[in-house]
Amino acid sequence: MLTLTERRGRRRWGRRLTTALLAVTVVATAPAVARAESNGGVRVMPLGDSITEGTQVPGGYRIGLWQRLAAGRYTIDFVGSQYNGPGSLGDHDHEGHPGWRIDQIDANINGWLRNSNPRTVLLHIGTNDVLQNYNVSGAPQRLSTLIDHITAAVPNADVFVATIIPLSNSGQESAARTFNAAIPGIVQSKANSGKHVHLVDMHSKLTTGDLIDGIHPTANGYDKMAAAWYAALQSVPGSIGQGPGTSPSPSPSPSPSPSASPSPSPSVSPSPSGGSGACRVSATVNAWNNGLTEQIAVTNTGSSTVNGWSLTFTLPSGQTITNGWNAAYSPSSGQVTATNVGYNGTMAPGSTTEIGFQATHTGNAAKPTEFALNGNPCTVA
């Protein structure tokens, strides 16, 4: 029998243990609550494994996809229980789980869908089934079952199912191709039964040259994935809501580079020549937290063709370009010069060229007030 002193001691120990466990629980759960991001936009769940998470390039394809969505002025809310990516990525939420197979995603999918209630799901899964040689012949059926569980839980959602990207190992690539070959039939059977399921041919968009470690894409490879997702989303009305007016072309090329800092393209035209330099510029900014994208439309209002161009403007204080598209940008802050790349160096009279960039900001998300094309001031619309 315990003495009174011993019983009191155990009660005090129990209270301390309970307090400690509660403290651990608060520490473990608080970051998830603090990290969740929502802007009230169309809820899109990036779902899959490390390629969705962005191994080797944190944020992965979500960086380039977010850039395109923001440039198109779509209001999107990435959702999921996971969170990562650079500070310039507007929304870090996702459901990418490194190392997970189809069956592991399937075992958790109902809870994730219940918590996030996505309007659209982007599914790229199956790579780890191949890498782990986990009953690869049964992988198509596991994928089919997973899709059924998704469509049952969120029947009104559009589910985009991607073929998995290439693998450098020849044996694994052969298995990946066999798995991919079954996906179109699976998707078509779901669509025939009235489910909102769509195929995305991701495998053909990348080559092994786009892989950094034989499995995960380089920054450029991830951006090719982003372009493919964006084109697929734009092809299904309502899957990402309605952009205000016209949106950028869903063509996967040219596509923005998610490199950490802007760098000149090797295909920049030699030097500007020809044309009167008369121009009109309109700029649109889409800002969030400490980031923004700016889409710039440059129109040649002169009477002759411009062969090779550079557009100069001054960024507001606190803005720094992190990456851009359709032009090479230098430097990344202050007075910036955007120089044409190989495919858009010619501007015929009356034609418009669109360029854009992503930047961080410290509170001032305004757009530049003055632009000059080849040294000649432009009218700002």
Protein backbone atom coordinates (compact mmCIF):
# COMPACT_ATOMS: atom_id res chain seq x y z
CA MET A 1 0.00 0.00 0.00
CA LEU A 2 1.30 3.50 -0.86
CA THR A 3 1.83 6.00 1.89
CA LEU A 4 0.09 9.37 1.81
CA THR A 5 3.36 11.04 0.83
CA GLU A 6 3.89 8.57 -2.03
CA ARG A 7 0.33 9.09 -3.34
CA ARG A 8 0.79 12.87 -3.29
CA GLY A 9 4.10 12.50 -5.09
CA ARG A 10 2.53 10.39 -7.85
CA ARG A 11 -0.33 12.87 -8.28
CA ARG A 12 2.17 15.73 -8.66
CA TRP A 13 4.18 13.68 -11.18
CA GLY A 14 1.00 12.88 -13.12
CA ARG A 15 0.02 16.54 -13.27
CA ARG A 16 3.49 17.50 -14.52
CA LEU A 17 3.40 14.76 -17.19
CA THR A 18 -0.03 15.90 -18.36
CA THR A 19 1.19 19.49 -18.58
CA ALA A 20 4.28 18.40 -20.52
CA LEU A 21 2.22 16.35 -22.98
CA LEU A 22 -0.12 19.27 -23.57
CA ALA A 23 2.90 21.51 -24.22
CA VAL A 24 4.27 19.02 -26.78
CA THR A 25 0.87 18.85 -28.46
CA VAL A 26 0.70 22.63 -28.75
CA VAL A 27 4.21 22.81 -30.20
CA ALA A 28 3.48 20.00 -32.66
CA THR A 29 0.16 21.33 -33.91
CA ALA A 30 0.60 25.09 -33.79
CA PRO A 31 2.80 25.43 -36.91
CA ALA A 32 0.22 23.66 -39.12
CA VAL A 33 -2.42 26.18 -38.06
CA ALA A 34 -0.07 29.13 -38.50
CA ARG A 35 1.15 27.95 -41.89
CA ALA A 36 -2.21 27.37 -43.56
CA GLU A 37 -2.79 29.94 -46.29
CA SER A 38 -6.10 30.86 -47.83
CA ASN A 39 -7.19 33.74 -50.03
CA GLY A 40 -10.74 32.52 -50.61
CA GLY A 41 -9.92 31.45 -54.17
CA VAL A 42 -10.65 28.25 -56.07
CA ARG A 43 -9.27 25.40 -53.97
CA VAL A 44 -6.67 23.36 -55.85
CA MET A 45 -4.92 20.36 -54.23
CA PRO A 46 -1.51 19.39 -55.64
CA LEU A 47 -1.45 15.67 -54.71
CA GLY A 48 1.34 13.13 -54.96
CA ASP A 49 4.83 12.30 -53.74
CA SER A 50 8.19 14.11 -53.63
CA ILE A 51 7.70 15.45 -57.15
CA THR A 52 4.65 17.33 -55.87
CA GLU A 53 6.53 18.36 -52.72
CA GLY A 54 9.41 19.66 -54.80
CA THR A 55 12.40 17.59 -53.75
CA GLN A 56 15.66 19.13 -55.03
CA VAL A 57 13.79 22.36 -55.89
CA PRO A 58 11.51 23.25 -52.93
CA GLY A 59 8.10 24.17 -54.27
CA GLY A 60 8.66 22.19 -57.48
CA TYR A 61 6.12 22.70 -60.24
CA ARG A 62 3.92 24.70 -57.89
CA ILE A 63 6.22 27.71 -58.35
CA GLY A 64 5.74 27.96 -62.11
CA LEU A 65 2.07 27.03 -61.86
CA TRP A 66 1.46 29.78 -59.31
CA GLN A 67 3.25 32.29 -61.54
CA ARG A 68 1.05 31.43 -64.50
CA LEU A 69 -2.15 31.51 -62.44
CA ALA A 70 -1.22 34.84 -60.93
CA ALA A 71 -0.23 36.28 -64.30
CA GLY A 72 -3.57 35.08 -65.68
CA ARG A 73 -5.24 36.80 -62.70
CA TYR A 74 -6.88 33.64 -61.45
CA THR A 75 -7.59 33.61 -57.73
CA ILE A 76 -6.38 30.21 -56.55
CA ASP A 77 -5.96 28.68 -53.10
CA PHE A 78 -3.54 25.75 -52.99
CA VAL A 79 -4.71 23.36 -50.25
CA GLY A 80 -3.26 20.40 -48.36
CA SER A 81 -1.77 19.37 -45.04
CA GLN A 82 1.83 19.98 -46.18
CA TYR A 83 3.66 23.27 -46.56
CA ASN A 84 6.93 24.22 -48.27
CA GLY A 85 8.52 26.34 -50.95
CA PRO A 86 10.36 29.65 -51.30
CA GLY A 87 9.14 32.88 -49.76
CA SER A 88 8.23 34.19 -53.20
CA LEU A 89 5.71 31.37 -53.74
CA GLY A 90 2.31 32.88 -53.05
CA ASP A 91 0.74 29.79 -51.49
CA HIS A 92 2.80 26.97 -49.95
CA ASP A 93 0.07 24.42 -49.12
CA HIS A 94 0.09 21.06 -50.89
CA GLU A 95 -0.40 17.32 -50.40
CA GLY A 96 2.94 15.99 -51.62
CA HIS A 97 4.50 13.18 -49.55
CA PRO A 98 8.08 12.14 -50.41
CA GLY A 99 8.53 8.40 -50.80
CA TRP A 100 4.82 7.57 -50.75
CA ARG A 101 3.23 5.04 -53.06
CA ILE A 102 -0.30 4.97 -54.45
CA ASP A 103 -1.62 2.78 -51.62
CA GLN A 104 -0.20 5.11 -48.96
CA ILE A 105 -1.86 8.12 -50.55
CA ASP A 106 -5.08 6.15 -50.83
CA ALA A 107 -5.01 5.22 -47.13
CA ASN A 108 -5.11 8.89 -46.18
CA ILE A 109 -7.03 10.51 -49.00
CA ASN A 110 -10.47 10.69 -47.39
CA GLY A 111 -9.21 12.65 -44.40
CA TRP A 112 -7.27 15.08 -46.57
CA LEU A 113 -10.22 15.67 -48.87
CA ARG A 114 -12.57 16.12 -45.93
CA ASN A 115 -10.27 18.75 -44.41
CA SER A 116 -9.44 20.61 -47.64
CA ASN A 117 -12.55 20.10 -49.81
CA PRO A 118 -10.73 20.92 -53.07
CA ARG A 119 -12.50 22.10 -56.21
CA THR A 120 -9.67 20.69 -58.33
CA VAL A 121 -7.11 17.92 -57.74
CA LEU A 122 -3.75 17.59 -59.53
CA LEU A 123 -2.61 13.96 -59.17
CA HIS A 124 0.88 12.75 -60.07
CA ILE A 125 1.55 9.43 -58.33
CA GLY A 126 3.11 6.04 -59.06
CA THR A 127 6.81 6.87 -59.25
CA ASN A 128 7.57 5.26 -55.88
CA ASP A 129 5.62 2.13 -56.80
CA VAL A 130 8.13 1.76 -59.64
CA LEU A 131 11.20 2.79 -57.64
CA GLN A 132 10.32 0.40 -54.80
CA ASN A 133 9.28 -2.33 -57.25
CA TYR A 134 6.09 -2.58 -55.23
CA ASN A 135 3.74 -4.92 -57.12
CA VAL A 136 4.11 -2.73 -60.19
CA SER A 137 1.70 -4.85 -62.21
CA GLY A 138 -1.02 -3.96 -59.70
CA ALA A 139 -0.24 -0.22 -59.74
CA PRO A 140 -2.83 0.67 -62.42
CA GLN A 141 -5.60 -0.96 -60.38
CA ARG A 142 -4.42 0.85 -57.25
CA LEU A 143 -4.51 4.12 -59.17
CA SER A 144 -8.02 3.35 -60.42
CA THR A 145 -9.17 2.70 -56.86
CA LEU A 146 -7.57 5.91 -55.63
CA ILE A 147 -9.35 7.91 -58.33
CA ASP A 148 -12.65 6.29 -57.33
CA HIS A 149 -12.09 7.30 -53.72
CA ILE A 150 -11.31 10.87 -54.74
CA THR A 151 -14.36 11.22 -56.98
CA ALA A 152 -16.60 9.67 -54.32
CA ALA A 153 -15.37 12.09 -51.66
CA VAL A 154 -15.49 15.21 -53.87
CA PRO A 155 -17.85 14.27 -56.73
CA ASN A 156 -18.00 17.79 -58.16
CA ALA A 157 -14.25 18.26 -58.29
CA ASP A 158 -12.21 18.09 -61.49
CA VAL A 159 -9.47 15.48 -61.07
CA PHE A 160 -6.45 15.80 -63.38
CA VAL A 161 -4.47 12.55 -63.54
CA ALA A 162 -0.95 12.80 -64.93
CA THR A 163 1.23 10.12 -66.42
CA ILE A 164 4.42 9.95 -64.34
CA ILE A 165 7.54 11.69 -65.61
CA PRO A 166 10.52 9.78 -67.07
CA LEU A 167 13.14 7.99 -64.98
CA SER A 168 16.84 7.76 -65.90
CA ASN A 169 17.25 4.08 -64.99
CA SER A 170 16.30 2.12 -68.11
CA GLY A 171 14.60 -0.73 -66.24
CA GLN A 172 12.57 1.64 -64.09
CA GLU A 173 11.71 3.75 -67.11
CA SER A 174 10.39 0.65 -68.87
CA ALA A 175 8.17 -0.10 -65.87
CA ALA A 176 7.04 3.54 -65.77
CA ARG A 177 6.05 3.40 -69.44
CA THR A 178 4.06 0.22 -68.84
CA PHE A 179 2.26 1.87 -65.93
CA ASN A 180 1.64 5.04 -67.95
CA ALA A 181 0.19 3.05 -70.84
CA ALA A 182 -2.70 1.96 -68.62
CA ILE A 183 -3.60 5.46 -67.41
CA PRO A 184 -5.46 6.79 -70.49
CA GLY A 185 -7.86 3.84 -70.39
CA ILE A 186 -8.43 4.28 -66.66
CA VAL A 187 -9.17 7.98 -67.07
CA GLN A 188 -11.45 7.40 -70.04
CA SER A 189 -13.46 4.77 -68.15
CA LYS A 190 -14.03 7.23 -65.30
CA ALA A 191 -15.03 9.98 -67.71
CA ASN A 192 -17.42 7.60 -69.50
CA SER A 193 -19.17 6.97 -66.21
CA GLY A 194 -19.76 10.68 -65.72
CA LYS A 195 -16.86 11.51 -63.41
CA HIS A 196 -14.88 14.72 -63.86
CA VAL A 197 -11.53 13.04 -64.54
CA HIS A 198 -9.01 14.33 -67.08
CA LEU A 199 -5.74 13.00 -68.48
CA VAL A 200 -2.52 15.03 -68.45
CA ASP A 201 0.29 13.59 -70.57
CA MET A 202 3.14 14.67 -68.31
CA HIS A 203 5.64 11.99 -69.38
CA SER A 204 6.05 13.42 -72.88
CA LYS A 205 6.73 16.92 -71.58
CA LEU A 206 10.05 16.02 -69.93
CA THR A 207 13.15 14.05 -70.87
CA THR A 208 15.82 12.51 -68.68
CA GLY A 209 17.82 15.65 -69.41
CA ASP A 210 15.30 17.50 -67.25
CA LEU A 211 16.15 15.38 -64.19
CA ILE A 212 18.61 16.53 -61.53
CA ASP A 213 19.16 13.12 -59.91
CA GLY A 214 17.59 10.68 -62.34
CA ILE A 215 14.21 10.95 -60.57
CA HIS A 216 13.38 14.56 -59.65
CA PRO A 217 13.23 17.43 -62.15
CA THR A 218 15.57 20.36 -62.37
CA ALA A 219 14.05 23.82 -61.94
CA ASN A 220 13.45 23.92 -65.68
CA GLY A 221 11.93 20.43 -65.61
CA TYR A 222 9.53 21.41 -62.86
CA ASP A 223 8.56 24.45 -64.88
CA LYS A 224 7.73 22.23 -67.85
CA MET A 225 5.40 20.35 -65.51
CA ALA A 226 3.87 23.66 -64.45
CA ALA A 227 3.20 24.57 -68.07
CA ALA A 228 1.51 21.22 -68.68
CA TRP A 229 -0.70 21.55 -65.59
CA TYR A 230 -1.64 25.11 -66.54
CA ALA A 231 -2.58 24.16 -70.09
CA ALA A 232 -4.71 21.29 -68.78
CA LEU A 233 -6.45 23.51 -66.22
CA GLN A 234 -7.25 26.15 -68.80
CA SER A 235 -8.78 23.52 -71.06
CA VAL A 236 -11.45 22.62 -68.48
CA PRO A 237 -13.81 25.56 -67.80
CA GLY A 238 -14.31 26.28 -64.12
CA SER A 239 -11.44 24.16 -62.85
CA ILE A 240 -9.56 27.30 -61.83
CA GLY A 241 -12.47 29.71 -61.91
CA GLN A 242 -12.67 32.49 -64.44
CA GLY A 243 -9.78 34.86 -65.01
CA PRO A 244 -10.79 38.53 -65.47
CA GLY A 245 -10.89 38.88 -69.23
CA THR A 246 -8.17 37.43 -71.37
CA SER A 247 -5.57 35.10 -69.93
CA PRO A 248 -2.09 34.19 -71.10
CA SER A 249 -1.85 31.49 -73.72
CA PRO A 250 -1.94 27.98 -72.23
CA SER A 251 0.90 26.97 -74.52
CA PRO A 252 3.67 25.40 -72.50
CA SER A 253 6.31 27.41 -74.29
CA PRO A 254 7.78 29.86 -73.77
CA SER A 255 7.57 29.34 -70.03
CA PRO A 256 8.94 31.25 -67.04
CA SER A 257 12.04 30.00 -65.30
CA PRO A 258 11.76 29.51 -61.52
CA SER A 259 15.48 30.13 -61.01
CA ALA A 260 16.49 31.82 -57.77
CA SER A 261 17.69 34.93 -59.59
CA PRO A 262 17.01 36.29 -63.08
CA SER A 263 19.67 35.48 -65.61
CA PRO A 264 20.01 36.46 -69.25
CA SER A 265 18.86 33.92 -71.77
CA PRO A 266 21.54 32.57 -74.10
CA SER A 267 19.26 33.35 -77.03
CA VAL A 268 19.01 37.12 -76.47
CA SER A 269 19.23 39.03 -79.73
CA PRO A 270 22.52 40.90 -80.27
CA SER A 271 21.50 44.55 -80.15
CA PRO A 272 18.39 46.65 -80.75
CA SER A 273 18.14 48.15 -84.21
CA GLY A 274 15.55 49.65 -86.45
CA GLY A 275 12.11 51.03 -85.63
CA SER A 276 11.10 54.45 -84.32
CA GLY A 277 10.84 53.30 -80.70
CA ALA A 278 7.32 54.74 -80.31
CA CYS A 279 5.50 52.50 -77.85
CA ARG A 280 2.64 52.03 -75.41
CA VAL A 281 2.92 49.99 -72.20
CA SER A 282 0.28 48.60 -69.88
CA ALA A 283 1.19 46.79 -66.67
CA THR A 284 -0.88 44.68 -64.30
CA VAL A 285 0.26 43.69 -60.81
CA ASN A 286 -1.09 40.80 -58.75
CA ALA A 287 0.26 40.97 -55.18
CA TRP A 288 0.08 38.80 -52.06
CA ASN A 289 1.83 38.87 -48.69
CA ASN A 290 5.45 39.71 -49.62
CA GLY A 291 5.30 38.69 -53.29
CA LEU A 292 3.85 39.84 -56.60
CA THR A 293 3.75 39.12 -60.30
CA GLU A 294 3.69 41.82 -62.94
CA GLN A 295 2.47 41.30 -66.49
CA ILE A 296 3.65 43.93 -68.99
CA ALA A 297 2.24 44.41 -72.50
CA VAL A 298 4.43 46.45 -74.89
CA THR A 299 2.87 47.72 -78.13
CA ASN A 300 4.88 49.09 -81.02
CA THR A 301 2.92 52.22 -81.96
CA GLY A 302 5.55 53.34 -84.47
CA SER A 303 5.45 52.99 -88.23
CA SER A 304 8.38 50.61 -88.67
CA THR A 305 9.47 47.25 -87.31
CA VAL A 306 11.64 47.06 -84.20
CA ASN A 307 14.38 44.43 -84.56
CA GLY A 308 15.79 43.75 -81.11
CA TRP A 309 14.48 45.68 -78.13
CA SER A 310 15.14 46.56 -74.52
CA LEU A 311 12.56 47.96 -72.12
CA THR A 312 13.79 49.98 -69.14
CA PHE A 313 11.82 50.83 -66.01
CA THR A 314 12.46 51.50 -62.33
CA LEU A 315 11.07 49.14 -59.70
CA PRO A 316 9.54 50.77 -56.62
CA SER A 317 11.74 50.64 -53.51
CA GLY A 318 11.74 47.25 -51.79
CA GLN A 319 10.90 45.21 -54.89
CA THR A 320 13.34 42.55 -56.13
CA ILE A 321 12.79 40.38 -59.19
CA THR A 322 13.23 36.68 -58.45
CA ASN A 323 12.44 35.31 -61.92
CA GLY A 324 10.81 36.34 -65.15
CA TRP A 325 9.54 35.17 -68.49
CA ASN A 326 9.70 36.25 -72.14
CA ALA A 327 12.66 38.56 -71.41
CA ALA A 328 16.04 38.65 -69.65
CA TYR A 329 16.01 41.02 -66.66
CA SER A 330 19.05 42.87 -65.24
CA PRO A 331 19.63 43.95 -62.54
CA SER A 332 16.99 42.53 -60.18
CA SER A 333 16.12 45.83 -58.45
CA GLY A 334 16.28 49.58 -59.04
CA GLN A 335 16.46 50.55 -62.71
CA VAL A 336 15.85 47.35 -64.64
CA THR A 337 16.38 46.53 -68.29
CA ALA A 338 14.28 43.78 -69.83
CA THR A 339 15.87 42.51 -73.06
CA ASN A 340 14.11 40.42 -75.68
CA VAL A 341 14.85 36.73 -76.03
CA GLY A 342 15.38 34.96 -79.34
CA TYR A 343 11.78 34.23 -80.22
CA ASN A 344 10.28 37.70 -79.58
CA GLY A 345 12.97 40.14 -80.76
CA THR A 346 10.90 41.47 -83.66
CA MET A 347 7.99 43.86 -83.05
CA ALA A 348 6.03 44.78 -86.14
CA PRO A 349 4.05 48.06 -86.20
CA GLY A 350 0.89 47.66 -84.13
CA SER A 351 2.01 44.38 -82.56
CA THR A 352 2.06 43.70 -78.82
CA THR A 353 4.61 41.65 -76.90
CA GLU A 354 3.85 40.39 -73.39
CA ILE A 355 6.54 39.85 -70.77
CA GLY A 356 6.38 39.40 -67.01
CA PHE A 357 8.21 38.72 -63.79
CA GLN A 358 7.76 37.62 -60.21
CA ALA A 359 9.20 39.73 -57.39
CA THR A 360 9.34 40.04 -53.64
CA HIS A 361 8.31 43.28 -51.94
CA THR A 362 8.49 44.83 -48.48
CA GLY A 363 5.06 46.41 -48.54
CA ASN A 364 5.09 48.50 -51.72
CA ALA A 365 3.50 46.44 -54.51
CA ALA A 366 3.04 49.34 -56.93
CA LYS A 367 4.00 49.07 -60.58
CA PRO A 368 6.59 51.23 -62.35
CA THR A 369 5.31 54.58 -63.58
CA GLU A 370 7.64 55.10 -66.56
CA PHE A 371 8.92 52.83 -69.33
CA ALA A 372 11.28 53.37 -72.26
CA LEU A 373 11.70 51.15 -75.31
CA ASN A 374 15.19 51.32 -76.83
CA GLY A 375 15.70 54.56 -74.92
CA ASN A 376 12.48 56.22 -76.13
CA PRO A 377 9.76 57.01 -73.54
CA CYS A 378 6.55 55.00 -73.85
CA THR A 379 2.98 56.06 -73.25
CA VAL A 380 1.71 54.31 -70.12
CA ALA A 381 -1.85 53.03 -70.46
